[in-house]
Amino acid sequence: MLVFITGIREYVFEAFDVSAFHYLLKPIEESKFIEVLGRATGEAGKRKEQKEQQIFIRTKNQGYTLNLSSILYIENRGKKVEIHTTDMEEIIEAYAMMDELEGQLGGGFYRCHRGYLVNMAHIVRYDNDSIFLSNGGLSLPDKEEVQ
């Protein structure tokens, strides 16, 4: 958010070229400054919420930028991972390590098993050996391996 505070009136229209939020001329009344700062802070918060978090995944043949919200879960397959997305027709296979992905994905994903990272936003319920996702279920292969 860009707010110009200046004593030069002539540049007000040039501020539009850089998408300025506001242009304040000196001397500034404290109440006006507080009002503009409050509105700018609110707008910055809205913009931050609207920006979808993403991760970049490179496969053998191409790269994908995925919205984290579109990932249902990630399954470990040896040296590869399978990324299951809300687009049921697409399972992305990539060379990656689960520990690295877990760090990149952040707190919205749960490592329920050494071979699975599950997007908590898609969990509708769970029991001792299964997690049920918004698209169906995810069964864990071996209870002893559950963390």
Protein backbone atom coordinates (compact mmCIF):
# COMPACT_ATOMS: atom_id res chain seq x y z
CA MET A 1 0.00 0.00 0.00
CA LEU A 2 1.48 3.27 -1.10
CA VAL A 3 0.47 6.54 0.57
CA PHE A 4 2.20 9.71 -0.57
CA ILE A 5 2.80 12.38 2.04
CA THR A 6 4.17 15.50 0.40
CA GLY A 7 3.91 19.21 0.14
CA ILE A 8 3.97 19.17 -3.66
CA ARG A 9 0.51 19.29 -5.18
CA GLU A 10 1.64 18.95 -8.83
CA TYR A 11 2.44 15.22 -8.62
CA VAL A 12 -0.96 14.01 -7.49
CA PHE A 13 -1.91 12.63 -10.93
CA GLU A 14 1.42 10.82 -11.30
CA ALA A 15 0.62 8.95 -8.09
CA PHE A 16 -2.09 7.13 -10.06
CA ASP A 17 0.63 5.71 -12.32
CA VAL A 18 2.03 3.71 -9.39
CA SER A 19 -1.40 2.74 -7.99
CA ALA A 20 -1.06 4.87 -4.88
CA PHE A 21 -3.73 4.30 -2.25
CA HIS A 22 -3.84 7.95 -1.21
CA TYR A 23 -2.05 11.28 -1.65
CA LEU A 24 -1.84 13.46 1.46
CA LEU A 25 -0.72 17.09 1.28
CA LYS A 26 1.20 18.71 4.10
CA PRO A 27 0.34 19.98 6.60
CA ILE A 28 -1.66 16.89 7.55
CA GLU A 29 -4.30 16.79 10.23
CA GLU A 30 -3.70 13.92 12.64
CA SER A 31 -7.28 12.66 12.31
CA LYS A 32 -6.98 12.52 8.50
CA PHE A 33 -3.68 10.63 8.73
CA ILE A 34 -5.16 8.10 11.17
CA GLU A 35 -8.22 7.61 8.94
CA VAL A 36 -6.14 7.01 5.78
CA LEU A 37 -3.72 4.71 7.60
CA GLY A 38 -6.64 2.68 8.98
CA ARG A 39 -8.24 2.31 5.56
CA ALA A 40 -4.89 1.35 3.99
CA THR A 41 -4.30 -1.27 6.68
CA GLY A 42 -7.79 -2.72 6.09
CA GLU A 43 -7.26 -2.86 2.35
CA ALA A 44 -3.85 -4.52 2.77
CA GLY A 45 -5.48 -7.17 4.97
CA LYS A 46 -8.15 -7.87 2.35
CA ARG A 47 -5.55 -8.23 -0.38
CA LYS A 48 -3.49 -10.61 1.74
CA GLU A 49 -6.52 -12.82 2.43
CA GLN A 50 -7.39 -12.94 -1.26
CA LYS A 51 -3.94 -14.10 -2.30
CA GLU A 52 -3.99 -17.89 -2.49
CA GLN A 53 -0.97 -19.71 -1.11
CA GLN A 54 0.81 -21.76 -3.74
CA ILE A 55 3.59 -24.28 -4.14
CA PHE A 56 5.68 -25.01 -7.22
CA ILE A 57 6.19 -28.70 -8.08
CA ARG A 58 8.59 -29.85 -10.78
CA THR A 59 7.97 -33.17 -12.48
CA LYS A 60 10.18 -34.91 -15.01
CA ASN A 61 8.55 -33.15 -17.96
CA GLN A 62 7.02 -29.95 -16.59
CA GLY A 63 6.37 -27.69 -13.62
CA TYR A 64 3.11 -27.03 -11.79
CA THR A 65 2.03 -24.13 -9.63
CA LEU A 66 -0.62 -25.55 -7.30
CA ASN A 67 -2.92 -23.73 -4.94
CA LEU A 68 -2.52 -25.36 -1.54
CA SER A 69 -6.30 -25.49 -1.21
CA SER A 70 -6.49 -27.77 -4.27
CA ILE A 71 -4.23 -30.43 -2.72
CA LEU A 72 -6.16 -33.22 -0.97
CA TYR A 73 -3.18 -35.26 0.17
CA ILE A 74 0.33 -36.29 -0.79
CA GLU A 75 1.40 -39.92 -0.78
CA ASN A 76 4.98 -41.16 -0.59
CA ARG A 77 5.93 -43.66 -3.34
CA GLY A 78 9.59 -44.46 -2.77
CA LYS A 79 11.65 -41.64 -4.23
CA LYS A 80 8.55 -40.07 -5.72
CA VAL A 81 5.39 -38.56 -4.32
CA GLU A 82 1.88 -38.59 -5.72
CA ILE A 83 -0.01 -35.35 -5.23
CA HIS A 84 -3.76 -35.96 -5.20
CA THR A 85 -5.73 -32.84 -6.05
CA THR A 86 -9.37 -31.79 -6.02
CA ASP A 87 -9.27 -32.34 -9.77
CA MET A 88 -9.80 -36.11 -9.47
CA GLU A 89 -8.46 -36.77 -12.95
CA GLU A 90 -5.07 -35.37 -12.07
CA ILE A 91 -2.51 -37.07 -9.85
CA ILE A 92 0.84 -35.35 -10.11
CA GLU A 93 3.89 -37.56 -9.74
CA ALA A 94 7.15 -35.86 -8.79
CA TYR A 95 10.53 -36.57 -7.27
CA ALA A 96 10.41 -35.04 -3.79
CA MET A 97 11.03 -35.84 -0.15
CA MET A 98 8.13 -35.80 2.31
CA ASP A 99 10.13 -33.90 4.95
CA GLU A 100 10.87 -31.08 2.49
CA LEU A 101 7.26 -30.90 1.31
CA GLU A 102 6.01 -30.86 4.89
CA GLY A 103 8.17 -27.81 5.57
CA GLN A 104 7.03 -26.02 2.42
CA LEU A 105 3.32 -26.72 2.91
CA GLY A 106 3.11 -25.32 6.43
CA GLY A 107 0.66 -25.87 9.26
CA GLY A 108 -2.41 -26.57 7.14
CA PHE A 109 -1.14 -30.07 6.37
CA TYR A 110 -1.00 -32.98 8.81
CA ARG A 111 1.58 -35.78 8.65
CA CYS A 112 -0.74 -38.55 9.81
CA HIS A 113 1.67 -41.28 8.70
CA ARG A 114 5.24 -41.36 7.46
CA GLY A 115 3.91 -41.78 3.93
CA TYR A 116 1.04 -39.25 3.93
CA LEU A 117 0.56 -35.50 4.20
CA VAL A 118 -3.11 -34.57 4.40
CA ASN A 119 -4.65 -31.14 3.81
CA MET A 120 -6.64 -30.51 7.02
CA ALA A 121 -9.05 -28.24 5.16
CA HIS A 122 -10.40 -31.32 3.35
CA ILE A 123 -10.80 -33.63 6.39
CA VAL A 124 -14.46 -34.23 7.21
CA ARG A 125 -13.90 -36.93 9.87
CA TYR A 126 -11.43 -39.58 11.01
CA ASP A 127 -11.21 -42.75 13.11
CA ASN A 128 -8.39 -45.06 14.26
CA ASP A 129 -7.24 -46.15 10.82
CA SER A 130 -8.88 -43.85 8.29
CA ILE A 131 -9.19 -40.21 7.41
CA PHE A 132 -12.25 -39.24 5.43
CA LEU A 133 -11.77 -36.42 2.99
CA SER A 134 -14.30 -34.23 1.25
CA ASN A 135 -13.84 -36.36 -1.88
CA GLY A 136 -13.98 -39.77 -0.15
CA GLY A 137 -11.62 -41.62 2.17
CA LEU A 138 -7.94 -42.14 2.73
CA SER A 139 -7.00 -45.43 4.43
CA LEU A 140 -3.64 -45.77 6.07
CA PRO A 141 -1.79 -48.95 5.07
CA ASP A 142 -0.44 -50.03 8.48
CA LYS A 143 -1.64 -48.89 11.93
CA GLU A 144 1.76 -49.55 13.54
CA GLU A 145 3.35 -46.94 11.30
CA VAL A 146 0.95 -44.18 12.31
CA GLN A 147 2.81 -41.41 14.10
